[in-house]
Amino acid sequence: MGTERVTVADLIFDRLDTNGDGVLAADDYRASAEHVLQSYGMGPSSPKGRALIEANLALWEHQAELVDRDHDGRITREEYREWMSSLPASESGQPSGTPEVMAVLHAQFNVADRDGDGLMDRHEFAVWRGLKGVPVPAAEASFELIDSDGDGAINWNDFTGAAHRHGLTALLFPPS
């Protein structure tokens, strides 16, 4: 696996490993969703909260089935890296998202879209990415890739189109 994919895999792994025990489990995926919800002042029983938790747990189930080689209910860093290397490539050759990854991102996008208009402006996007440790300048660079018409707002179709062209890593973790 290329160095960039290892770095991105490790970044995502570390952010998902909410309890810091060095492995991923269902509890980490739930806690990750709950952290996003708490950051936005939403509860897990709200419609957006339920959607995000369900998407995270569906991602866990899918990854546990495909990635957890020894079926011990935990995904190691190495197993996660191997999964990341198997992701399909975008037009630019960067890793693209699986339907389950995209469902989580869509649920997060909806949480970050505070007014529910289906659009995220530059500030909302920077706040959303900031929750995962992405610095504002990097988030703004990602926003520029996504906002291809330059109108200052992105919708979900803008995001998925940019992911297809540039890969998810370029949108979520642009090079510094």
N, C-alpha and C. Protein backbone atom coordinates (compact mmCIF):
# COMPACT_ATOMS: atom_id res chain seq x y z
N MET A 1 0.85 -1.17 0.00
CA MET A 1 0.00 0.00 0.00
C MET A 1 0.89 1.23 0.00
N GLY A 2 0.49 2.25 -0.75
CA GLY A 2 1.26 3.48 -0.82
C GLY A 2 1.29 4.20 0.51
N THR A 3 2.32 5.02 0.69
CA THR A 3 2.51 5.75 1.94
C THR A 3 1.30 6.62 2.27
N GLU A 4 0.73 7.30 1.25
CA GLU A 4 -0.41 8.18 1.50
C GLU A 4 -1.60 7.38 2.02
N ARG A 5 -1.87 6.21 1.44
CA ARG A 5 -2.99 5.39 1.92
C ARG A 5 -2.75 4.89 3.33
N VAL A 6 -1.51 4.53 3.66
CA VAL A 6 -1.20 4.11 5.03
C VAL A 6 -1.45 5.26 5.99
N THR A 7 -1.01 6.45 5.64
CA THR A 7 -1.20 7.62 6.49
C THR A 7 -2.68 7.90 6.70
N VAL A 8 -3.45 7.88 5.64
CA VAL A 8 -4.89 8.13 5.75
C VAL A 8 -5.56 7.02 6.54
N ALA A 9 -5.20 5.77 6.26
CA ALA A 9 -5.77 4.65 7.01
C ALA A 9 -5.49 4.81 8.51
N ASP A 10 -4.27 5.20 8.84
CA ASP A 10 -3.91 5.38 10.25
C ASP A 10 -4.66 6.55 10.88
N LEU A 11 -4.83 7.65 10.13
CA LEU A 11 -5.60 8.79 10.64
C LEU A 11 -7.03 8.39 10.97
N ILE A 12 -7.65 7.70 10.02
CA ILE A 12 -9.04 7.28 10.24
C ILE A 12 -9.11 6.27 11.38
N PHE A 13 -8.20 5.31 11.38
CA PHE A 13 -8.18 4.30 12.44
C PHE A 13 -8.07 4.97 13.81
N ASP A 14 -7.12 5.90 13.94
CA ASP A 14 -6.91 6.56 15.23
C ASP A 14 -8.14 7.36 15.67
N ARG A 15 -8.84 7.96 14.73
CA ARG A 15 -10.04 8.73 15.08
C ARG A 15 -11.21 7.82 15.42
N LEU A 16 -11.25 6.66 14.79
CA LEU A 16 -12.32 5.70 15.12
C LEU A 16 -12.05 4.96 16.42
N ASP A 17 -10.79 4.78 16.77
CA ASP A 17 -10.43 4.06 18.00
C ASP A 17 -10.67 4.97 19.20
N THR A 18 -11.94 5.17 19.51
CA THR A 18 -12.34 6.18 20.51
C THR A 18 -11.83 5.86 21.91
N ASN A 19 -11.64 4.60 22.24
CA ASN A 19 -11.16 4.27 23.58
C ASN A 19 -9.65 4.07 23.63
N GLY A 20 -8.98 4.19 22.47
CA GLY A 20 -7.53 4.14 22.43
C GLY A 20 -6.90 2.80 22.73
N ASP A 21 -7.65 1.71 22.54
CA ASP A 21 -7.09 0.40 22.87
C ASP A 21 -6.34 -0.27 21.72
N GLY A 22 -6.23 0.42 20.58
CA GLY A 22 -5.45 -0.11 19.47
C GLY A 22 -6.20 -1.04 18.54
N VAL A 23 -7.49 -1.23 18.77
CA VAL A 23 -8.32 -2.04 17.88
C VAL A 23 -9.67 -1.34 17.72
N LEU A 24 -10.35 -1.66 16.63
CA LEU A 24 -11.68 -1.12 16.39
C LEU A 24 -12.73 -2.17 16.70
N ALA A 25 -13.82 -1.73 17.32
CA ALA A 25 -14.95 -2.60 17.63
C ALA A 25 -16.23 -1.79 17.46
N ALA A 26 -17.36 -2.46 17.53
CA ALA A 26 -18.65 -1.80 17.34
C ALA A 26 -18.81 -0.59 18.26
N ASP A 27 -18.33 -0.71 19.49
CA ASP A 27 -18.46 0.40 20.44
C ASP A 27 -17.74 1.65 19.95
N ASP A 28 -16.62 1.47 19.26
CA ASP A 28 -15.88 2.62 18.73
C ASP A 28 -16.70 3.34 17.66
N TYR A 29 -17.37 2.59 16.82
CA TYR A 29 -18.17 3.18 15.75
C TYR A 29 -19.37 3.93 16.32
N ARG A 30 -19.98 3.36 17.35
CA ARG A 30 -21.10 4.05 18.01
C ARG A 30 -20.59 5.31 18.71
N ALA A 31 -19.49 5.20 19.43
CA ALA A 31 -18.94 6.35 20.15
C ALA A 31 -18.53 7.46 19.19
N SER A 32 -18.00 7.09 18.03
CA SER A 32 -17.62 8.09 17.04
C SER A 32 -18.85 8.87 16.57
N ALA A 33 -19.93 8.17 16.31
CA ALA A 33 -21.18 8.83 15.91
C ALA A 33 -21.71 9.71 17.03
N GLU A 34 -21.67 9.22 18.25
CA GLU A 34 -22.18 10.00 19.38
C GLU A 34 -21.35 11.25 19.61
N HIS A 35 -20.05 11.17 19.35
CA HIS A 35 -19.19 12.35 19.48
C HIS A 35 -19.62 13.44 18.50
N VAL A 36 -19.86 13.04 17.25
CA VAL A 36 -20.32 14.01 16.24
C VAL A 36 -21.64 14.64 16.70
N LEU A 37 -22.56 13.81 17.15
CA LEU A 37 -23.86 14.31 17.58
C LEU A 37 -23.72 15.27 18.76
N GLN A 38 -22.91 14.92 19.74
CA GLN A 38 -22.71 15.79 20.90
C GLN A 38 -22.10 17.12 20.48
N SER A 39 -21.19 17.07 19.52
CA SER A 39 -20.56 18.30 19.04
C SER A 39 -21.57 19.26 18.43
N TYR A 40 -22.64 18.71 17.88
CA TYR A 40 -23.69 19.53 17.28
C TYR A 40 -24.89 19.71 18.21
N GLY A 41 -24.79 19.23 19.44
CA GLY A 41 -25.87 19.38 20.39
C GLY A 41 -27.10 18.54 20.07
N MET A 42 -26.89 17.42 19.39
CA MET A 42 -27.99 16.52 19.03
C MET A 42 -27.90 15.25 19.84
N GLY A 43 -29.05 14.69 20.12
CA GLY A 43 -29.10 13.44 20.85
C GLY A 43 -29.17 12.25 19.91
N PRO A 44 -28.83 11.07 20.42
CA PRO A 44 -28.85 9.86 19.59
C PRO A 44 -30.26 9.42 19.20
N SER A 45 -31.29 9.95 19.88
CA SER A 45 -32.66 9.55 19.53
C SER A 45 -33.32 10.51 18.54
N SER A 46 -32.63 11.60 18.19
CA SER A 46 -33.17 12.50 17.17
C SER A 46 -33.13 11.78 15.82
N PRO A 47 -33.94 12.20 14.86
CA PRO A 47 -33.90 11.52 13.55
C PRO A 47 -32.51 11.51 12.92
N LYS A 48 -31.81 12.65 12.94
CA LYS A 48 -30.46 12.69 12.38
C LYS A 48 -29.51 11.85 13.23
N GLY A 49 -29.72 11.83 14.53
CA GLY A 49 -28.88 11.03 15.42
C GLY A 49 -29.04 9.54 15.16
N ARG A 50 -30.29 9.10 15.05
CA ARG A 50 -30.52 7.68 14.75
C ARG A 50 -29.92 7.29 13.41
N ALA A 51 -30.07 8.16 12.41
CA ALA A 51 -29.53 7.87 11.08
C ALA A 51 -28.00 7.73 11.12
N LEU A 52 -27.35 8.61 11.87
CA LEU A 52 -25.89 8.55 11.95
C LEU A 52 -25.43 7.30 12.69
N ILE A 53 -26.05 7.00 13.81
CA ILE A 53 -25.66 5.80 14.56
C ILE A 53 -25.91 4.55 13.74
N GLU A 54 -27.06 4.47 13.08
CA GLU A 54 -27.36 3.31 12.25
C GLU A 54 -26.35 3.17 11.11
N ALA A 55 -25.97 4.27 10.47
CA ALA A 55 -24.99 4.22 9.39
C ALA A 55 -23.63 3.76 9.91
N ASN A 56 -23.22 4.28 11.08
CA ASN A 56 -21.94 3.86 11.65
C ASN A 56 -21.94 2.38 12.00
N LEU A 57 -23.03 1.90 12.58
CA LEU A 57 -23.09 0.49 12.95
C LEU A 57 -23.18 -0.41 11.72
N ALA A 58 -23.84 0.05 10.66
CA ALA A 58 -23.86 -0.72 9.41
C ALA A 58 -22.46 -0.79 8.81
N LEU A 59 -21.72 0.31 8.89
CA LEU A 59 -20.33 0.31 8.42
C LEU A 59 -19.51 -0.68 9.24
N TRP A 60 -19.69 -0.67 10.56
CA TRP A 60 -18.99 -1.62 11.41
C TRP A 60 -19.29 -3.05 10.97
N GLU A 61 -20.58 -3.38 10.81
CA GLU A 61 -20.97 -4.74 10.43
C GLU A 61 -20.30 -5.15 9.11
N HIS A 62 -20.32 -4.25 8.16
CA HIS A 62 -19.73 -4.54 6.86
C HIS A 62 -18.22 -4.73 6.99
N GLN A 63 -17.57 -3.82 7.71
CA GLN A 63 -16.12 -3.94 7.86
C GLN A 63 -15.74 -5.16 8.70
N ALA A 64 -16.52 -5.45 9.73
CA ALA A 64 -16.20 -6.62 10.56
C ALA A 64 -16.25 -7.89 9.71
N GLU A 65 -17.23 -7.93 8.81
CA GLU A 65 -17.37 -9.10 7.94
C GLU A 65 -16.21 -9.22 6.96
N LEU A 66 -15.79 -8.10 6.39
CA LEU A 66 -14.75 -8.12 5.36
C LEU A 66 -13.33 -7.99 5.89
N VAL A 67 -13.15 -7.24 6.96
CA VAL A 67 -11.82 -6.83 7.39
C VAL A 67 -11.29 -7.66 8.56
N ASP A 68 -12.16 -8.07 9.45
CA ASP A 68 -11.77 -8.81 10.65
C ASP A 68 -11.44 -10.26 10.26
N ARG A 69 -10.20 -10.49 9.84
CA ARG A 69 -9.79 -11.80 9.31
C ARG A 69 -9.97 -12.94 10.30
N ASP A 70 -9.68 -12.69 11.58
CA ASP A 70 -9.78 -13.77 12.55
C ASP A 70 -11.14 -13.82 13.24
N HIS A 71 -12.05 -12.97 12.84
CA HIS A 71 -13.44 -12.95 13.33
C HIS A 71 -13.53 -12.91 14.85
N ASP A 72 -12.66 -12.07 15.45
CA ASP A 72 -12.68 -11.93 16.90
C ASP A 72 -13.49 -10.71 17.36
N GLY A 73 -14.17 -10.05 16.41
CA GLY A 73 -14.98 -8.89 16.75
C GLY A 73 -14.17 -7.62 16.92
N ARG A 74 -12.93 -7.65 16.44
CA ARG A 74 -12.05 -6.48 16.53
C ARG A 74 -11.26 -6.37 15.23
N ILE A 75 -11.02 -5.13 14.82
CA ILE A 75 -10.22 -4.88 13.63
C ILE A 75 -8.91 -4.25 14.08
N THR A 76 -7.81 -4.87 13.70
CA THR A 76 -6.50 -4.33 14.04
C THR A 76 -6.11 -3.24 13.04
N ARG A 77 -5.10 -2.49 13.38
CA ARG A 77 -4.59 -1.46 12.48
C ARG A 77 -4.16 -2.08 11.14
N GLU A 78 -3.48 -3.20 11.19
CA GLU A 78 -3.03 -3.84 9.96
C GLU A 78 -4.21 -4.31 9.11
N GLU A 79 -5.21 -4.89 9.75
CA GLU A 79 -6.41 -5.29 9.00
C GLU A 79 -7.07 -4.08 8.36
N TYR A 80 -7.11 -2.97 9.07
CA TYR A 80 -7.73 -1.75 8.54
C TYR A 80 -6.92 -1.21 7.36
N ARG A 81 -5.61 -1.24 7.48
CA ARG A 81 -4.76 -0.79 6.37
C ARG A 81 -5.00 -1.64 5.13
N GLU A 82 -5.10 -2.94 5.32
CA GLU A 82 -5.35 -3.83 4.18
C GLU A 82 -6.69 -3.52 3.53
N TRP A 83 -7.71 -3.25 4.34
CA TRP A 83 -9.01 -2.89 3.79
C TRP A 83 -8.91 -1.59 2.99
N MET A 84 -8.22 -0.60 3.55
CA MET A 84 -8.07 0.69 2.87
C MET A 84 -7.39 0.49 1.52
N SER A 85 -6.42 -0.41 1.45
CA SER A 85 -5.72 -0.63 0.18
C SER A 85 -6.61 -1.31 -0.85
N SER A 86 -7.69 -1.93 -0.42
CA SER A 86 -8.58 -2.63 -1.35
C SER A 86 -9.70 -1.75 -1.89
N LEU A 87 -9.81 -0.53 -1.40
CA LEU A 87 -10.88 0.35 -1.86
C LEU A 87 -10.73 0.67 -3.35
N PRO A 88 -11.84 0.78 -4.06
CA PRO A 88 -11.73 1.15 -5.47
C PRO A 88 -11.16 2.56 -5.62
N ALA A 89 -10.55 2.79 -6.77
CA ALA A 89 -9.92 4.09 -7.01
C ALA A 89 -10.88 5.03 -7.74
N SER A 90 -10.71 6.31 -7.45
CA SER A 90 -11.44 7.36 -8.16
C SER A 90 -10.77 7.61 -9.49
N GLU A 91 -11.29 8.56 -10.26
CA GLU A 91 -10.67 8.93 -11.54
C GLU A 91 -9.23 9.37 -11.35
N SER A 92 -8.92 9.97 -10.20
CA SER A 92 -7.56 10.46 -9.96
C SER A 92 -6.65 9.38 -9.37
N GLY A 93 -7.19 8.19 -9.12
CA GLY A 93 -6.40 7.11 -8.55
C GLY A 93 -6.42 7.06 -7.04
N GLN A 94 -7.07 8.02 -6.40
CA GLN A 94 -7.17 8.03 -4.94
C GLN A 94 -8.29 7.08 -4.50
N PRO A 95 -8.23 6.58 -3.25
CA PRO A 95 -9.29 5.67 -2.80
C PRO A 95 -10.66 6.34 -2.80
N SER A 96 -11.62 5.59 -3.24
CA SER A 96 -13.01 6.05 -3.25
C SER A 96 -13.74 5.34 -2.12
N GLY A 97 -14.97 5.71 -1.89
CA GLY A 97 -15.71 5.16 -0.77
C GLY A 97 -16.62 4.00 -1.15
N THR A 98 -16.82 3.11 -0.21
CA THR A 98 -17.80 2.05 -0.37
C THR A 98 -19.18 2.64 -0.08
N PRO A 99 -20.25 1.96 -0.45
CA PRO A 99 -21.58 2.47 -0.12
C PRO A 99 -21.77 2.71 1.38
N GLU A 100 -21.18 1.87 2.20
CA GLU A 100 -21.32 2.03 3.65
C GLU A 100 -20.57 3.25 4.17
N VAL A 101 -19.39 3.51 3.63
CA VAL A 101 -18.62 4.71 4.00
C VAL A 101 -19.40 5.95 3.57
N MET A 102 -19.92 5.91 2.36
CA MET A 102 -20.68 7.06 1.85
C MET A 102 -21.95 7.29 2.67
N ALA A 103 -22.57 6.23 3.16
CA ALA A 103 -23.76 6.38 4.01
C ALA A 103 -23.41 7.09 5.31
N VAL A 104 -22.28 6.76 5.90
CA VAL A 104 -21.83 7.45 7.12
C VAL A 104 -21.56 8.92 6.82
N LEU A 105 -20.85 9.17 5.75
CA LEU A 105 -20.55 10.57 5.40
C LEU A 105 -21.83 11.35 5.09
N HIS A 106 -22.79 10.71 4.44
CA HIS A 106 -24.05 11.39 4.15
C HIS A 106 -24.79 11.72 5.44
N ALA A 107 -24.81 10.78 6.38
CA ALA A 107 -25.46 11.04 7.67
C ALA A 107 -24.73 12.16 8.42
N GLN A 108 -23.39 12.17 8.37
CA GLN A 108 -22.64 13.27 8.99
C GLN A 108 -22.93 14.59 8.29
N PHE A 109 -22.99 14.56 6.98
CA PHE A 109 -23.29 15.75 6.19
C PHE A 109 -24.64 16.33 6.63
N ASN A 110 -25.62 15.46 6.81
CA ASN A 110 -26.95 15.91 7.24
C ASN A 110 -26.93 16.50 8.64
N VAL A 111 -26.13 15.95 9.52
CA VAL A 111 -26.00 16.52 10.87
C VAL A 111 -25.36 17.90 10.78
N ALA A 112 -24.31 18.01 9.97
CA ALA A 112 -23.60 19.29 9.84
C ALA A 112 -24.45 20.36 9.14
N ASP A 113 -25.42 19.94 8.34
CA ASP A 113 -26.34 20.86 7.67
C ASP A 113 -27.41 21.26 8.69
N ARG A 114 -27.06 22.21 9.53
CA ARG A 114 -27.89 22.59 10.68
C ARG A 114 -29.30 23.03 10.30
N ASP A 115 -29.45 23.77 9.21
CA ASP A 115 -30.78 24.27 8.87
C ASP A 115 -31.56 23.33 7.96
N GLY A 116 -30.96 22.21 7.57
CA GLY A 116 -31.67 21.20 6.80
C GLY A 116 -31.99 21.58 5.37
N ASP A 117 -31.27 22.56 4.82
CA ASP A 117 -31.57 22.99 3.45
C ASP A 117 -30.84 22.17 2.39
N GLY A 118 -30.05 21.17 2.84
CA GLY A 118 -29.33 20.32 1.89
C GLY A 118 -28.03 20.92 1.39
N LEU A 119 -27.65 22.07 1.97
CA LEU A 119 -26.43 22.76 1.56
C LEU A 119 -25.51 22.98 2.75
N MET A 120 -24.23 22.96 2.47
CA MET A 120 -23.24 23.27 3.49
C MET A 120 -22.36 24.38 2.95
N ASP A 121 -22.24 25.47 3.72
CA ASP A 121 -21.34 26.55 3.28
C ASP A 121 -19.92 26.24 3.76
N ARG A 122 -18.99 27.10 3.40
CA ARG A 122 -17.57 26.90 3.72
C ARG A 122 -17.35 26.74 5.24
N HIS A 123 -18.00 27.58 6.03
CA HIS A 123 -17.84 27.53 7.48
C HIS A 123 -18.38 26.21 8.04
N GLU A 124 -19.58 25.82 7.62
CA GLU A 124 -20.15 24.56 8.11
C GLU A 124 -19.26 23.38 7.75
N PHE A 125 -18.71 23.43 6.55
CA PHE A 125 -17.82 22.35 6.11
C PHE A 125 -16.56 22.31 6.97
N ALA A 126 -15.97 23.48 7.22
CA ALA A 126 -14.75 23.54 8.03
C ALA A 126 -15.02 23.04 9.45
N VAL A 127 -16.18 23.38 10.01
CA VAL A 127 -16.54 22.89 11.35
C VAL A 127 -16.67 21.37 11.33
N TRP A 128 -17.38 20.86 10.32
CA TRP A 128 -17.58 19.41 10.19
C TRP A 128 -16.26 18.68 10.10
N ARG A 129 -15.36 19.12 9.24
CA ARG A 129 -14.07 18.45 9.10
C ARG A 129 -13.21 18.68 10.34
N GLY A 130 -13.36 19.83 10.97
CA GLY A 130 -12.60 20.11 12.19
C GLY A 130 -12.88 19.11 13.29
N LEU A 131 -14.08 18.54 13.32
CA LEU A 131 -14.41 17.53 14.31
C LEU A 131 -13.51 16.31 14.19
N LYS A 132 -12.97 16.10 13.01
CA LYS A 132 -12.07 14.97 12.78
C LYS A 132 -10.61 15.41 12.72
N GLY A 133 -10.35 16.61 13.21
CA GLY A 133 -8.97 17.08 13.32
C GLY A 133 -8.39 17.70 12.06
N VAL A 134 -9.21 17.98 11.07
CA VAL A 134 -8.71 18.58 9.84
C VAL A 134 -8.58 20.09 10.06
N PRO A 135 -7.38 20.64 9.89
CA PRO A 135 -7.20 22.08 10.07
C PRO A 135 -8.03 22.88 9.07
N VAL A 136 -8.41 24.10 9.45
CA VAL A 136 -9.25 24.95 8.61
C VAL A 136 -8.68 25.12 7.20
N PRO A 137 -7.38 25.43 7.03
CA PRO A 137 -6.87 25.60 5.66
C PRO A 137 -7.05 24.34 4.80
N ALA A 138 -6.85 23.18 5.39
CA ALA A 138 -7.04 21.93 4.64
C ALA A 138 -8.51 21.72 4.32
N ALA A 139 -9.40 22.02 5.27
CA ALA A 139 -10.83 21.90 5.01
C ALA A 139 -11.26 22.85 3.90
N GLU A 140 -10.72 24.06 3.91
CA GLU A 140 -11.07 25.03 2.87
C GLU A 140 -10.57 24.58 1.50
N ALA A 141 -9.41 23.94 1.45
CA ALA A 141 -8.91 23.40 0.18
C ALA A 141 -9.83 22.29 -0.32
N SER A 142 -10.32 21.46 0.59
CA SER A 142 -11.27 20.41 0.22
C SER A 142 -12.55 21.03 -0.30
N PHE A 143 -13.02 22.07 0.40
CA PHE A 143 -14.26 22.73 -0.01
C PHE A 143 -14.13 23.25 -1.44
N GLU A 144 -12.98 23.81 -1.78
CA GLU A 144 -12.76 24.34 -3.13
C GLU A 144 -12.87 23.23 -4.18
N LEU A 145 -12.36 22.03 -3.87
CA LEU A 145 -12.48 20.91 -4.80
C LEU A 145 -13.94 20.51 -4.99
N ILE A 146 -14.70 20.57 -3.93
CA ILE A 146 -16.10 20.11 -3.97
C ILE A 146 -17.00 21.15 -4.62
N ASP A 147 -16.78 22.42 -4.30
CA ASP A 147 -17.62 23.51 -4.82
C ASP A 147 -17.14 23.90 -6.22
N SER A 148 -17.36 23.00 -7.17
CA SER A 148 -16.82 23.20 -8.52
C SER A 148 -17.47 24.37 -9.25
N ASP A 149 -18.69 24.76 -8.88
CA ASP A 149 -19.31 25.91 -9.55
C ASP A 149 -19.02 27.23 -8.84
N GLY A 150 -18.32 27.16 -7.69
CA GLY A 150 -17.89 28.36 -6.98
C GLY A 150 -18.99 29.20 -6.37
N ASP A 151 -20.16 28.59 -6.11
CA ASP A 151 -21.27 29.36 -5.54
C ASP A 151 -21.22 29.50 -4.02
N GLY A 152 -20.19 28.92 -3.39
CA GLY A 152 -20.04 29.06 -1.95
C GLY A 152 -20.85 28.08 -1.12
N ALA A 153 -21.46 27.10 -1.77
CA ALA A 153 -22.24 26.08 -1.06
C ALA A 153 -22.09 24.75 -1.78
N ILE A 154 -22.14 23.67 -1.01
CA ILE A 154 -22.09 22.34 -1.61
C ILE A 154 -23.30 21.55 -1.15
N ASN A 155 -23.78 20.70 -2.04
CA ASN A 155 -24.83 19.76 -1.65
C ASN A 155 -24.23 18.36 -1.73
N TRP A 156 -25.03 17.37 -1.41
CA TRP A 156 -24.52 16.01 -1.37
C TRP A 156 -24.06 15.55 -2.75
N ASN A 157 -24.76 15.94 -3.80
CA ASN A 157 -24.35 15.57 -5.15
C ASN A 157 -23.00 16.18 -5.51
N ASP A 158 -22.75 17.41 -5.06
CA ASP A 158 -21.43 18.02 -5.28
C ASP A 158 -20.35 17.17 -4.60
N PHE A 159 -20.63 16.74 -3.39
CA PHE A 159 -19.67 15.95 -2.62
C PHE A 159 -19.37 14.62 -3.30
N THR A 160 -20.43 13.89 -3.68
CA THR A 160 -20.20 12.58 -4.29
C THR A 160 -19.53 12.71 -5.65
N GLY A 161 -19.88 13.75 -6.40
CA GLY A 161 -19.21 13.97 -7.69
C GLY A 161 -17.73 14.23 -7.51
N ALA A 162 -17.39 15.06 -6.53
CA ALA A 162 -15.98 15.35 -6.25
C ALA A 162 -15.26 14.11 -5.74
N ALA A 163 -15.95 13.29 -4.96
CA ALA A 163 -15.34 12.04 -4.47
C ALA A 163 -15.01 11.12 -5.64
N HIS A 164 -15.90 11.06 -6.61
CA HIS A 164 -15.67 10.23 -7.78
C HIS A 164 -14.46 10.73 -8.58
N ARG A 165 -14.35 12.05 -8.69
CA ARG A 165 -13.25 12.63 -9.47
C ARG A 165 -11.92 12.62 -8.72
N HIS A 166 -11.95 12.98 -7.45
CA HIS A 166 -10.71 13.21 -6.70
C HIS A 166 -10.40 12.16 -5.64
N GLY A 167 -11.37 11.36 -5.27
CA GLY A 167 -11.20 10.39 -4.19
C GLY A 167 -11.56 11.00 -2.85
N LEU A 168 -12.02 10.14 -1.95
CA LEU A 168 -12.43 10.63 -0.64
C LEU A 168 -11.28 11.20 0.17
N THR A 169 -10.11 10.62 0.05
CA THR A 169 -9.00 11.11 0.86
C THR A 169 -8.66 12.55 0.50
N ALA A 170 -8.78 12.92 -0.77
CA ALA A 170 -8.50 14.30 -1.18
C ALA A 170 -9.52 15.26 -0.60
N LEU A 171 -10.74 14.78 -0.36
CA LEU A 171 -11.79 15.64 0.16
C LEU A 171 -11.81 15.70 1.68
N LEU A 172 -11.44 14.61 2.29
CA LEU A 172 -11.51 14.53 3.75
C LEU A 172 -10.16 14.82 4.43
N PHE A 173 -9.07 14.45 3.75
CA PHE A 173 -7.74 14.61 4.31
C PHE A 173 -6.78 15.11 3.24
N PRO A 174 -6.99 16.34 2.75
CA PRO A 174 -6.11 16.84 1.69
C PRO A 174 -4.67 16.95 2.18
N PRO A 175 -3.72 16.85 1.25
CA PRO A 175 -2.32 16.98 1.66
C PRO A 175 -2.06 18.34 2.29
N SER A 176 -1.23 18.38 3.29
CA SER A 176 -0.95 19.65 3.97
C SER A 176 0.11 20.43 3.23
